[in-house]
Amino acid sequence: MRVIAGAWRGKRLVAPAGENTRPTADRARQTVFDVLWHARWAGRGAIEGTRVLDAFAGSGAMGIEALSRGAAEAIFLETDTAALAAIRANLRACRAEARGRVLRADATAPPPAPAPCGLVFLDPPYGSGLVPRALAALAAAGWVAPAALIVAETEIDARMPEIPGFLPVDRRAVGRAAMTVLRRAGET
């Protein structure tokens, strides 16, 4: 696993030890960031200078990729001890500790946000159905900015239910994963 592009392109990242996490594959991360970078409904401004939330962070690869591509700050929510250690190690390896904040927190019952995030990555365990629950909890706690983009990774055959307050704008299949992009509704 490595950083795909940006300031830390090619930098190797460590995955958490054990079977509790499933890091997003390099190919899937590249697809997500290419879509965000070039989509008329997103563009570079969706990443550059943006505060990013990486929930169910695992290795932290999504948030670190965003930092490498110019995000202002990334906050990582994770509960697994091995994953927390991996995120911290990956931030150290990229010398990004000042721009990354690691919190031991459950995305379905998060603490109040210090500030809203314009880009949110959700990668709960496959088959858990946690995307709607986590997104509602994060929004209620102030983590999701008006007009924020949310990238939710699920298994390819999972159906993304309608989530009140969020509109789907894109869905891509990448290997065994489906990447669904949502935008906070009613706000521009």
N, C-alpha and C. Protein backbone atom coordinates (compact mmCIF):
# COMPACT_ATOMS: atom_id res chain seq x y z
N MET A 1 0.86 -1.16 0.00
CA MET A 1 0.00 0.00 0.00
C MET A 1 0.91 1.23 0.00
N ARG A 2 0.52 2.23 -0.83
CA ARG A 2 1.36 3.42 -0.95
C ARG A 2 0.49 4.64 -1.24
N VAL A 3 1.06 5.82 -1.07
CA VAL A 3 0.39 7.06 -1.45
C VAL A 3 0.46 7.14 -2.97
N ILE A 4 -0.67 7.45 -3.61
CA ILE A 4 -0.76 7.40 -5.07
C ILE A 4 -0.20 8.66 -5.73
N ALA A 5 -0.50 9.85 -5.21
CA ALA A 5 -0.09 11.08 -5.88
C ALA A 5 0.11 12.19 -4.85
N GLY A 6 0.65 13.30 -5.34
CA GLY A 6 0.84 14.46 -4.49
C GLY A 6 2.23 14.50 -3.88
N ALA A 7 2.35 15.24 -2.79
CA ALA A 7 3.64 15.50 -2.15
C ALA A 7 4.35 14.23 -1.69
N TRP A 8 3.59 13.22 -1.30
CA TRP A 8 4.19 11.99 -0.78
C TRP A 8 4.03 10.81 -1.73
N ARG A 9 3.88 11.10 -3.00
CA ARG A 9 3.68 10.04 -4.00
C ARG A 9 4.72 8.93 -3.85
N GLY A 10 4.22 7.69 -3.80
CA GLY A 10 5.09 6.53 -3.69
C GLY A 10 5.45 6.15 -2.26
N LYS A 11 5.14 6.98 -1.29
CA LYS A 11 5.47 6.69 0.11
C LYS A 11 4.69 5.45 0.56
N ARG A 12 5.41 4.50 1.11
CA ARG A 12 4.78 3.27 1.60
C ARG A 12 4.02 3.54 2.89
N LEU A 13 2.85 2.93 3.01
CA LEU A 13 2.03 3.03 4.20
C LEU A 13 1.89 1.65 4.83
N VAL A 14 1.80 1.61 6.15
CA VAL A 14 1.62 0.33 6.82
C VAL A 14 0.14 0.09 7.05
N ALA A 15 -0.24 -1.16 7.01
CA ALA A 15 -1.62 -1.56 7.32
C ALA A 15 -1.64 -2.06 8.76
N PRO A 16 -2.76 -1.92 9.43
CA PRO A 16 -2.86 -2.43 10.80
C PRO A 16 -2.65 -3.94 10.83
N ALA A 17 -2.00 -4.39 11.88
CA ALA A 17 -1.82 -5.83 12.07
C ALA A 17 -3.17 -6.46 12.37
N GLY A 18 -3.32 -7.71 11.99
CA GLY A 18 -4.54 -8.45 12.30
C GLY A 18 -5.56 -8.40 11.19
N GLU A 19 -6.72 -8.94 11.48
CA GLU A 19 -7.78 -9.11 10.49
C GLU A 19 -8.94 -8.13 10.68
N ASN A 20 -8.81 -7.18 11.61
CA ASN A 20 -9.93 -6.31 11.93
C ASN A 20 -10.16 -5.19 10.93
N THR A 21 -9.17 -4.90 10.10
CA THR A 21 -9.35 -3.82 9.12
C THR A 21 -9.04 -4.32 7.72
N ARG A 22 -9.63 -3.62 6.75
CA ARG A 22 -9.46 -3.92 5.35
C ARG A 22 -9.08 -2.61 4.65
N PRO A 23 -7.78 -2.33 4.49
CA PRO A 23 -7.39 -1.07 3.88
C PRO A 23 -7.92 -0.93 2.45
N THR A 24 -8.30 0.29 2.10
CA THR A 24 -8.76 0.57 0.74
C THR A 24 -7.61 0.35 -0.22
N ALA A 25 -7.84 -0.43 -1.25
CA ALA A 25 -6.80 -0.76 -2.22
C ALA A 25 -6.30 0.48 -2.95
N ASP A 26 -5.03 0.44 -3.37
CA ASP A 26 -4.44 1.56 -4.11
C ASP A 26 -5.30 1.94 -5.32
N ARG A 27 -5.73 0.94 -6.06
CA ARG A 27 -6.54 1.20 -7.27
C ARG A 27 -7.84 1.92 -6.93
N ALA A 28 -8.48 1.52 -5.84
CA ALA A 28 -9.73 2.16 -5.43
C ALA A 28 -9.48 3.60 -5.00
N ARG A 29 -8.40 3.84 -4.24
CA ARG A 29 -8.07 5.21 -3.83
C ARG A 29 -7.78 6.08 -5.05
N GLN A 30 -7.03 5.54 -6.00
CA GLN A 30 -6.73 6.31 -7.21
C GLN A 30 -8.02 6.67 -7.94
N THR A 31 -8.93 5.72 -8.07
CA THR A 31 -10.21 5.99 -8.74
C THR A 31 -10.97 7.10 -8.03
N VAL A 32 -11.10 7.00 -6.72
CA VAL A 32 -11.83 8.00 -5.94
C VAL A 32 -11.23 9.39 -6.15
N PHE A 33 -9.92 9.51 -6.01
CA PHE A 33 -9.31 10.82 -6.11
C PHE A 33 -9.31 11.35 -7.54
N ASP A 34 -9.19 10.47 -8.53
CA ASP A 34 -9.31 10.92 -9.93
C ASP A 34 -10.71 11.46 -10.19
N VAL A 35 -11.72 10.76 -9.70
CA VAL A 35 -13.11 11.21 -9.88
C VAL A 35 -13.30 12.57 -9.20
N LEU A 36 -12.88 12.68 -7.95
CA LEU A 36 -13.05 13.95 -7.23
C LEU A 36 -12.31 15.08 -7.93
N TRP A 37 -11.09 14.82 -8.36
CA TRP A 37 -10.23 15.85 -8.96
C TRP A 37 -10.82 16.39 -10.27
N HIS A 38 -11.45 15.50 -11.05
CA HIS A 38 -11.87 15.89 -12.40
C HIS A 38 -13.38 16.08 -12.58
N ALA A 39 -14.18 15.72 -11.60
CA ALA A 39 -15.63 15.83 -11.75
C ALA A 39 -16.08 17.29 -11.73
N ARG A 40 -17.04 17.62 -12.57
CA ARG A 40 -17.53 19.00 -12.59
C ARG A 40 -18.25 19.36 -11.30
N TRP A 41 -18.75 18.37 -10.58
CA TRP A 41 -19.44 18.60 -9.31
C TRP A 41 -18.48 18.61 -8.12
N ALA A 42 -17.18 18.45 -8.38
CA ALA A 42 -16.18 18.46 -7.30
C ALA A 42 -15.00 19.33 -7.71
N GLY A 43 -13.97 18.74 -8.30
CA GLY A 43 -12.78 19.47 -8.73
C GLY A 43 -11.73 19.58 -7.64
N ARG A 44 -10.62 20.21 -7.99
CA ARG A 44 -9.48 20.32 -7.07
C ARG A 44 -9.88 20.95 -5.74
N GLY A 45 -10.81 21.90 -5.80
CA GLY A 45 -11.24 22.59 -4.59
C GLY A 45 -11.94 21.68 -3.58
N ALA A 46 -12.38 20.52 -4.04
CA ALA A 46 -13.00 19.56 -3.11
C ALA A 46 -11.94 18.92 -2.21
N ILE A 47 -10.67 19.05 -2.61
CA ILE A 47 -9.57 18.44 -1.85
C ILE A 47 -8.62 19.51 -1.30
N GLU A 48 -8.12 20.35 -2.19
CA GLU A 48 -7.10 21.33 -1.78
C GLU A 48 -7.65 22.33 -0.78
N GLY A 49 -6.95 22.47 0.33
CA GLY A 49 -7.35 23.41 1.36
C GLY A 49 -8.53 22.99 2.21
N THR A 50 -9.02 21.78 2.01
CA THR A 50 -10.22 21.28 2.69
C THR A 50 -9.86 20.54 3.97
N ARG A 51 -10.75 20.62 4.94
CA ARG A 51 -10.65 19.80 6.15
C ARG A 51 -11.32 18.48 5.82
N VAL A 52 -10.63 17.37 6.10
CA VAL A 52 -11.08 16.03 5.72
C VAL A 52 -11.32 15.18 6.97
N LEU A 53 -12.37 14.39 6.92
CA LEU A 53 -12.64 13.40 7.96
C LEU A 53 -12.50 12.02 7.35
N ASP A 54 -11.68 11.18 7.97
CA ASP A 54 -11.52 9.78 7.56
C ASP A 54 -12.09 8.94 8.70
N ALA A 55 -13.36 8.52 8.55
CA ALA A 55 -14.05 7.76 9.59
C ALA A 55 -13.94 6.27 9.28
N PHE A 56 -13.88 5.45 10.32
CA PHE A 56 -13.54 4.03 10.17
C PHE A 56 -12.19 3.99 9.44
N ALA A 57 -11.23 4.74 9.93
CA ALA A 57 -10.02 5.10 9.19
C ALA A 57 -9.08 3.95 8.85
N GLY A 58 -9.05 2.90 9.64
CA GLY A 58 -8.16 1.78 9.33
C GLY A 58 -6.71 2.21 9.33
N SER A 59 -6.07 2.21 8.17
CA SER A 59 -4.67 2.63 8.04
C SER A 59 -4.54 4.14 7.91
N GLY A 60 -5.66 4.82 7.65
CA GLY A 60 -5.62 6.26 7.42
C GLY A 60 -5.26 6.62 6.00
N ALA A 61 -5.23 5.65 5.10
CA ALA A 61 -4.77 5.88 3.73
C ALA A 61 -5.59 6.93 2.98
N MET A 62 -6.90 6.96 3.19
CA MET A 62 -7.72 7.94 2.46
C MET A 62 -7.40 9.36 2.93
N GLY A 63 -7.35 9.57 4.22
CA GLY A 63 -7.03 10.90 4.74
C GLY A 63 -5.61 11.33 4.40
N ILE A 64 -4.67 10.41 4.45
CA ILE A 64 -3.28 10.72 4.11
C ILE A 64 -3.16 11.03 2.63
N GLU A 65 -3.88 10.31 1.80
CA GLU A 65 -3.89 10.62 0.35
C GLU A 65 -4.41 12.03 0.13
N ALA A 66 -5.47 12.41 0.85
CA ALA A 66 -6.01 13.77 0.72
C ALA A 66 -4.98 14.81 1.16
N LEU A 67 -4.28 14.54 2.27
CA LEU A 67 -3.23 15.46 2.73
C LEU A 67 -2.13 15.59 1.68
N SER A 68 -1.73 14.47 1.10
CA SER A 68 -0.69 14.49 0.08
C SER A 68 -1.09 15.34 -1.12
N ARG A 69 -2.39 15.40 -1.38
CA ARG A 69 -2.91 16.16 -2.53
C ARG A 69 -3.36 17.57 -2.16
N GLY A 70 -3.02 18.02 -0.95
CA GLY A 70 -3.25 19.42 -0.61
C GLY A 70 -4.35 19.73 0.38
N ALA A 71 -4.97 18.72 0.98
CA ALA A 71 -5.96 19.01 2.03
C ALA A 71 -5.28 19.75 3.17
N ALA A 72 -6.01 20.65 3.81
CA ALA A 72 -5.44 21.45 4.90
C ALA A 72 -5.20 20.61 6.15
N GLU A 73 -6.14 19.72 6.45
CA GLU A 73 -6.10 18.96 7.69
C GLU A 73 -6.90 17.69 7.49
N ALA A 74 -6.51 16.63 8.19
CA ALA A 74 -7.29 15.39 8.19
C ALA A 74 -7.47 14.92 9.62
N ILE A 75 -8.69 14.52 9.93
CA ILE A 75 -9.01 13.97 11.24
C ILE A 75 -9.41 12.52 11.01
N PHE A 76 -8.85 11.64 11.82
CA PHE A 76 -9.04 10.20 11.66
C PHE A 76 -9.81 9.67 12.86
N LEU A 77 -10.97 9.05 12.62
CA LEU A 77 -11.75 8.41 13.67
C LEU A 77 -11.60 6.90 13.54
N GLU A 78 -11.21 6.26 14.64
CA GLU A 78 -10.99 4.82 14.61
C GLU A 78 -11.10 4.31 16.05
N THR A 79 -11.51 3.04 16.22
CA THR A 79 -11.61 2.45 17.55
C THR A 79 -10.58 1.34 17.78
N ASP A 80 -10.09 0.73 16.73
CA ASP A 80 -9.18 -0.41 16.84
C ASP A 80 -7.77 0.06 17.21
N THR A 81 -7.19 -0.55 18.24
CA THR A 81 -5.87 -0.15 18.74
C THR A 81 -4.78 -0.31 17.68
N ALA A 82 -4.78 -1.43 16.96
CA ALA A 82 -3.76 -1.64 15.92
C ALA A 82 -3.90 -0.62 14.80
N ALA A 83 -5.14 -0.29 14.44
CA ALA A 83 -5.37 0.71 13.39
C ALA A 83 -4.91 2.08 13.84
N LEU A 84 -5.18 2.45 15.08
CA LEU A 84 -4.73 3.75 15.61
C LEU A 84 -3.20 3.85 15.54
N ALA A 85 -2.51 2.76 15.88
CA ALA A 85 -1.05 2.75 15.81
C ALA A 85 -0.57 2.89 14.36
N ALA A 86 -1.25 2.22 13.43
CA ALA A 86 -0.87 2.31 12.02
C ALA A 86 -1.07 3.74 11.49
N ILE A 87 -2.18 4.37 11.84
CA ILE A 87 -2.43 5.74 11.37
C ILE A 87 -1.33 6.66 11.88
N ARG A 88 -1.02 6.56 13.16
CA ARG A 88 0.05 7.41 13.73
C ARG A 88 1.39 7.15 13.05
N ALA A 89 1.70 5.89 12.78
CA ALA A 89 2.96 5.55 12.10
C ALA A 89 2.98 6.12 10.68
N ASN A 90 1.85 6.04 9.99
CA ASN A 90 1.78 6.56 8.62
C ASN A 90 1.90 8.08 8.59
N LEU A 91 1.29 8.76 9.54
CA LEU A 91 1.44 10.22 9.62
C LEU A 91 2.89 10.59 9.91
N ARG A 92 3.55 9.86 10.83
CA ARG A 92 4.97 10.11 11.12
C ARG A 92 5.83 9.90 9.89
N ALA A 93 5.57 8.81 9.16
CA ALA A 93 6.37 8.48 7.97
C ALA A 93 6.27 9.59 6.91
N CYS A 94 5.12 10.25 6.86
CA CYS A 94 4.92 11.34 5.89
C CYS A 94 5.26 12.71 6.49
N ARG A 95 5.67 12.70 7.75
CA ARG A 95 5.95 13.95 8.47
C ARG A 95 4.73 14.87 8.44
N ALA A 96 3.57 14.28 8.70
CA ALA A 96 2.31 15.01 8.60
C ALA A 96 1.57 15.09 9.94
N GLU A 97 2.27 14.87 11.05
CA GLU A 97 1.61 14.89 12.35
C GLU A 97 0.91 16.22 12.63
N ALA A 98 1.48 17.32 12.15
CA ALA A 98 0.88 18.64 12.41
C ALA A 98 -0.43 18.85 11.67
N ARG A 99 -0.64 18.10 10.57
CA ARG A 99 -1.86 18.26 9.77
C ARG A 99 -2.85 17.12 9.95
N GLY A 100 -2.50 16.14 10.79
CA GLY A 100 -3.37 15.00 11.03
C GLY A 100 -3.70 14.88 12.51
N ARG A 101 -4.95 14.63 12.80
CA ARG A 101 -5.40 14.46 14.19
C ARG A 101 -6.07 13.10 14.30
N VAL A 102 -5.58 12.27 15.20
CA VAL A 102 -6.08 10.90 15.36
C VAL A 102 -6.91 10.83 16.64
N LEU A 103 -8.16 10.41 16.49
CA LEU A 103 -9.07 10.30 17.64
C LEU A 103 -9.57 8.87 17.79
N ARG A 104 -9.48 8.35 19.02
CA ARG A 104 -10.10 7.06 19.30
C ARG A 104 -11.58 7.36 19.49
N ALA A 105 -12.37 7.09 18.46
CA ALA A 105 -13.79 7.43 18.50
C ALA A 105 -14.56 6.56 17.53
N ASP A 106 -15.80 6.30 17.87
CA ASP A 106 -16.72 5.52 17.06
C ASP A 106 -17.48 6.47 16.14
N ALA A 107 -17.43 6.23 14.86
CA ALA A 107 -18.11 7.11 13.89
C ALA A 107 -19.63 7.07 14.03
N THR A 108 -20.17 6.06 14.69
CA THR A 108 -21.62 6.00 14.89
C THR A 108 -22.05 6.71 16.17
N ALA A 109 -21.09 7.12 16.98
CA ALA A 109 -21.36 7.88 18.21
C ALA A 109 -20.19 8.83 18.44
N PRO A 110 -19.96 9.74 17.48
CA PRO A 110 -18.75 10.57 17.53
C PRO A 110 -18.84 11.69 18.56
N PRO A 111 -17.69 12.18 18.99
CA PRO A 111 -17.69 13.36 19.85
C PRO A 111 -18.08 14.59 19.01
N PRO A 112 -18.38 15.70 19.66
CA PRO A 112 -18.67 16.92 18.89
C PRO A 112 -17.46 17.30 18.04
N ALA A 113 -17.72 17.78 16.84
CA ALA A 113 -16.65 18.16 15.93
C ALA A 113 -16.02 19.49 16.35
N PRO A 114 -14.70 19.60 16.23
CA PRO A 114 -14.06 20.89 16.48
C PRO A 114 -14.40 21.89 15.37
N ALA A 115 -14.65 21.38 14.17
CA ALA A 115 -15.04 22.18 13.01
C ALA A 115 -15.58 21.22 11.96
N PRO A 116 -16.49 21.68 11.09
CA PRO A 116 -17.04 20.79 10.06
C PRO A 116 -16.01 20.48 8.97
N CYS A 117 -16.20 19.34 8.33
CA CYS A 117 -15.30 18.87 7.27
C CYS A 117 -16.00 18.94 5.92
N GLY A 118 -15.28 19.34 4.89
CA GLY A 118 -15.82 19.46 3.55
C GLY A 118 -15.74 18.18 2.74
N LEU A 119 -14.92 17.23 3.20
CA LEU A 119 -14.76 15.95 2.51
C LEU A 119 -14.72 14.87 3.59
N VAL A 120 -15.61 13.87 3.46
CA VAL A 120 -15.74 12.83 4.48
C VAL A 120 -15.60 11.47 3.80
N PHE A 121 -14.73 10.65 4.34
CA PHE A 121 -14.57 9.27 3.87
C PHE A 121 -15.15 8.33 4.91
N LEU A 122 -16.05 7.43 4.46
CA LEU A 122 -16.65 6.43 5.33
C LEU A 122 -16.34 5.05 4.77
N ASP A 123 -15.66 4.23 5.54
CA ASP A 123 -15.32 2.89 5.09
C ASP A 123 -15.57 1.90 6.22
N PRO A 124 -16.85 1.70 6.58
CA PRO A 124 -17.16 0.75 7.66
C PRO A 124 -16.93 -0.69 7.21
N PRO A 125 -16.93 -1.60 8.15
CA PRO A 125 -16.79 -3.02 7.77
C PRO A 125 -17.86 -3.40 6.74
N TYR A 126 -17.45 -4.17 5.75
CA TYR A 126 -18.39 -4.63 4.73
C TYR A 126 -19.51 -5.42 5.39
N GLY A 127 -20.72 -5.25 4.87
CA GLY A 127 -21.88 -5.98 5.36
C GLY A 127 -22.47 -5.43 6.65
N SER A 128 -21.90 -4.34 7.17
CA SER A 128 -22.38 -3.81 8.45
C SER A 128 -23.58 -2.88 8.31
N GLY A 129 -23.78 -2.31 7.12
CA GLY A 129 -24.87 -1.37 6.92
C GLY A 129 -24.73 -0.10 7.74
N LEU A 130 -23.52 0.25 8.12
CA LEU A 130 -23.31 1.39 9.03
C LEU A 130 -23.24 2.76 8.35
N VAL A 131 -23.20 2.83 7.03
CA VAL A 131 -23.06 4.13 6.37
C VAL A 131 -24.18 5.10 6.78
N PRO A 132 -25.47 4.74 6.66
CA PRO A 132 -26.51 5.70 7.04
C PRO A 132 -26.44 6.12 8.51
N ARG A 133 -26.23 5.15 9.38
CA ARG A 133 -26.16 5.45 10.82
C ARG A 133 -24.97 6.36 11.14
N ALA A 134 -23.80 6.06 10.59
CA ALA A 134 -22.62 6.88 10.85
C ALA A 134 -22.79 8.27 10.27
N LEU A 135 -23.31 8.37 9.06
CA LEU A 135 -23.47 9.67 8.43
C LEU A 135 -24.45 10.54 9.22
N ALA A 136 -25.54 9.98 9.70
CA ALA A 136 -26.49 10.74 10.51
C ALA A 136 -25.83 11.21 11.81
N ALA A 137 -25.07 10.33 12.45
CA ALA A 137 -24.40 10.69 13.71
C ALA A 137 -23.34 11.75 13.50
N LEU A 138 -22.56 11.61 12.44
CA LEU A 138 -21.51 12.59 12.15
C LEU A 138 -22.11 13.96 11.83
N ALA A 139 -23.18 13.97 11.05
CA ALA A 139 -23.84 15.24 10.71
C ALA A 139 -24.40 15.90 11.98
N ALA A 140 -25.03 15.11 12.84
CA ALA A 140 -25.62 15.65 14.07
C ALA A 140 -24.54 16.21 15.01
N ALA A 141 -23.35 15.63 14.98
CA ALA A 141 -22.26 16.08 15.84
C ALA A 141 -21.44 17.22 15.22
N GLY A 142 -21.85 17.68 14.02
CA GLY A 142 -21.19 18.82 13.41
C GLY A 142 -19.97 18.52 12.55
N TRP A 143 -19.76 17.26 12.21
CA TRP A 143 -18.59 16.87 11.41
C TRP A 143 -18.77 17.14 9.91
N VAL A 144 -20.00 17.26 9.42
CA VAL A 144 -20.25 17.35 7.98
C VAL A 144 -20.65 18.78 7.62
N ALA A 145 -19.80 19.45 6.84
CA ALA A 145 -20.04 20.84 6.46
C ALA A 145 -21.18 20.94 5.44
N PRO A 146 -21.78 22.12 5.33
CA PRO A 146 -22.76 22.34 4.25
C PRO A 146 -22.08 22.05 2.90
N ALA A 147 -22.79 21.37 2.02
CA ALA A 147 -22.31 21.00 0.69
C ALA A 147 -21.12 20.05 0.70
N ALA A 148 -20.85 19.42 1.83
CA ALA A 148 -19.74 18.46 1.92
C ALA A 148 -19.96 17.30 0.97
N LEU A 149 -18.86 16.73 0.51
CA LEU A 149 -18.89 15.49 -0.26
C LEU A 149 -18.54 14.34 0.67
N ILE A 150 -19.28 13.26 0.54
CA ILE A 150 -19.06 12.06 1.34
C ILE A 150 -18.76 10.92 0.39
N VAL A 151 -17.66 10.22 0.62
CA VAL A 151 -17.30 9.05 -0.18
C VAL A 151 -17.46 7.84 0.72
N ALA A 152 -18.43 6.99 0.38
CA ALA A 152 -18.72 5.79 1.18
C ALA A 152 -18.29 4.55 0.41
N GLU A 153 -17.45 3.74 1.04
CA GLU A 153 -17.02 2.48 0.44
C GLU A 153 -17.82 1.34 1.04
N THR A 154 -18.39 0.53 0.16
CA THR A 154 -19.14 -0.65 0.57
C THR A 154 -18.74 -1.81 -0.34
N GLU A 155 -19.21 -3.00 -0.01
CA GLU A 155 -18.99 -4.12 -0.92
C GLU A 155 -19.80 -3.85 -2.19
N ILE A 156 -19.35 -4.39 -3.29
CA ILE A 156 -19.90 -4.04 -4.60
C ILE A 156 -21.40 -4.32 -4.73
N ASP A 157 -21.89 -5.37 -4.10
CA ASP A 157 -23.30 -5.72 -4.27
C ASP A 157 -24.21 -5.07 -3.21
N ALA A 158 -23.65 -4.23 -2.35
CA ALA A 158 -24.47 -3.56 -1.33
C ALA A 158 -25.30 -2.46 -1.98
N ARG A 159 -26.53 -2.37 -1.57
CA ARG A 159 -27.42 -1.31 -2.05
C ARG A 159 -27.29 -0.13 -1.10
N MET A 160 -27.01 1.05 -1.63
CA MET A 160 -26.92 2.24 -0.78
C MET A 160 -28.34 2.76 -0.58
N PRO A 161 -28.84 2.73 0.65
CA PRO A 161 -30.20 3.23 0.88
C PRO A 161 -30.23 4.74 0.74
N GLU A 162 -31.43 5.28 0.57
CA GLU A 162 -31.58 6.74 0.61
C GLU A 162 -31.23 7.19 2.01
N ILE A 163 -30.46 8.26 2.09
CA ILE A 163 -30.06 8.80 3.39
C ILE A 163 -30.59 10.22 3.46
N PRO A 164 -31.53 10.47 4.36
CA PRO A 164 -32.12 11.81 4.46
C PRO A 164 -31.04 12.88 4.61
N GLY A 165 -31.18 13.91 3.78
CA GLY A 165 -30.23 15.02 3.84
C GLY A 165 -29.02 14.87 2.95
N PHE A 166 -28.92 13.74 2.22
CA PHE A 166 -27.75 13.50 1.37
C PHE A 166 -28.20 12.97 0.01
N LEU A 167 -27.63 13.52 -1.05
CA LEU A 167 -27.98 13.11 -2.42
C LEU A 167 -26.80 12.40 -3.08
N PRO A 168 -27.06 11.25 -3.72
CA PRO A 168 -25.98 10.57 -4.45
C PRO A 168 -25.60 11.36 -5.70
N VAL A 169 -24.29 11.49 -5.96
CA VAL A 169 -23.82 12.17 -7.17
C VAL A 169 -22.99 11.27 -8.07
N ASP A 170 -22.48 10.15 -7.52
CA ASP A 170 -21.66 9.26 -8.35
C ASP A 170 -21.53 7.92 -7.64
N ARG A 171 -21.38 6.87 -8.43
CA ARG A 171 -21.10 5.54 -7.89
C ARG A 171 -20.18 4.83 -8.86
N ARG A 172 -19.11 4.23 -8.34
CA ARG A 172 -18.14 3.51 -9.16
C ARG A 172 -17.86 2.15 -8.53
N ALA A 173 -17.76 1.15 -9.39
CA ALA A 173 -17.32 -0.17 -8.94
C ALA A 173 -15.82 -0.25 -9.18
N VAL A 174 -15.10 -0.67 -8.16
CA VAL A 174 -13.64 -0.84 -8.27
C VAL A 174 -13.29 -2.16 -7.59
N GLY A 175 -13.01 -3.18 -8.41
CA GLY A 175 -12.74 -4.50 -7.84
C GLY A 175 -13.95 -5.00 -7.08
N ARG A 176 -13.75 -5.37 -5.80
CA ARG A 176 -14.85 -5.86 -4.95
C ARG A 176 -15.58 -4.73 -4.23
N ALA A 177 -15.14 -3.50 -4.46
CA ALA A 177 -15.71 -2.36 -3.73
C ALA A 177 -16.60 -1.51 -4.61
N ALA A 178 -17.54 -0.83 -3.96
CA ALA A 178 -18.33 0.20 -4.62
C ALA A 178 -18.05 1.50 -3.88
N MET A 179 -17.76 2.55 -4.64
CA MET A 179 -17.51 3.87 -4.07
C MET A 179 -18.70 4.75 -4.45
N THR A 180 -19.45 5.17 -3.45
CA THR A 180 -20.60 6.04 -3.67
C THR A 180 -20.28 7.42 -3.13
N VAL A 181 -20.47 8.44 -3.96
CA VAL A 181 -20.24 9.82 -3.54
C VAL A 181 -21.59 10.47 -3.31
N LEU A 182 -21.73 11.08 -2.15
CA LEU A 182 -22.96 11.78 -1.77
C LEU A 182 -22.61 13.24 -1.49
N ARG A 183 -23.60 14.12 -1.62
CA ARG A 183 -23.43 15.53 -1.26
C ARG A 183 -24.52 15.88 -0.26
N ARG A 184 -24.15 16.66 0.71
CA ARG A 184 -25.16 17.13 1.67
C ARG A 184 -26.21 17.91 0.91
N ALA A 185 -27.46 17.55 1.05
CA ALA A 185 -28.57 18.11 0.26
C ALA A 185 -29.04 19.45 0.80
N GLY A 186 -29.64 20.23 -0.12
CA GLY A 186 -30.27 21.48 0.25
C GLY A 186 -29.32 22.58 0.62
N GLU A 187 -28.02 22.35 0.41
CA GLU A 187 -27.02 23.34 0.76
C GLU A 187 -26.01 23.42 -0.37
N THR A 188 -25.64 24.62 -0.76
CA THR A 188 -24.64 24.76 -1.82
C THR A 188 -23.53 25.67 -1.41
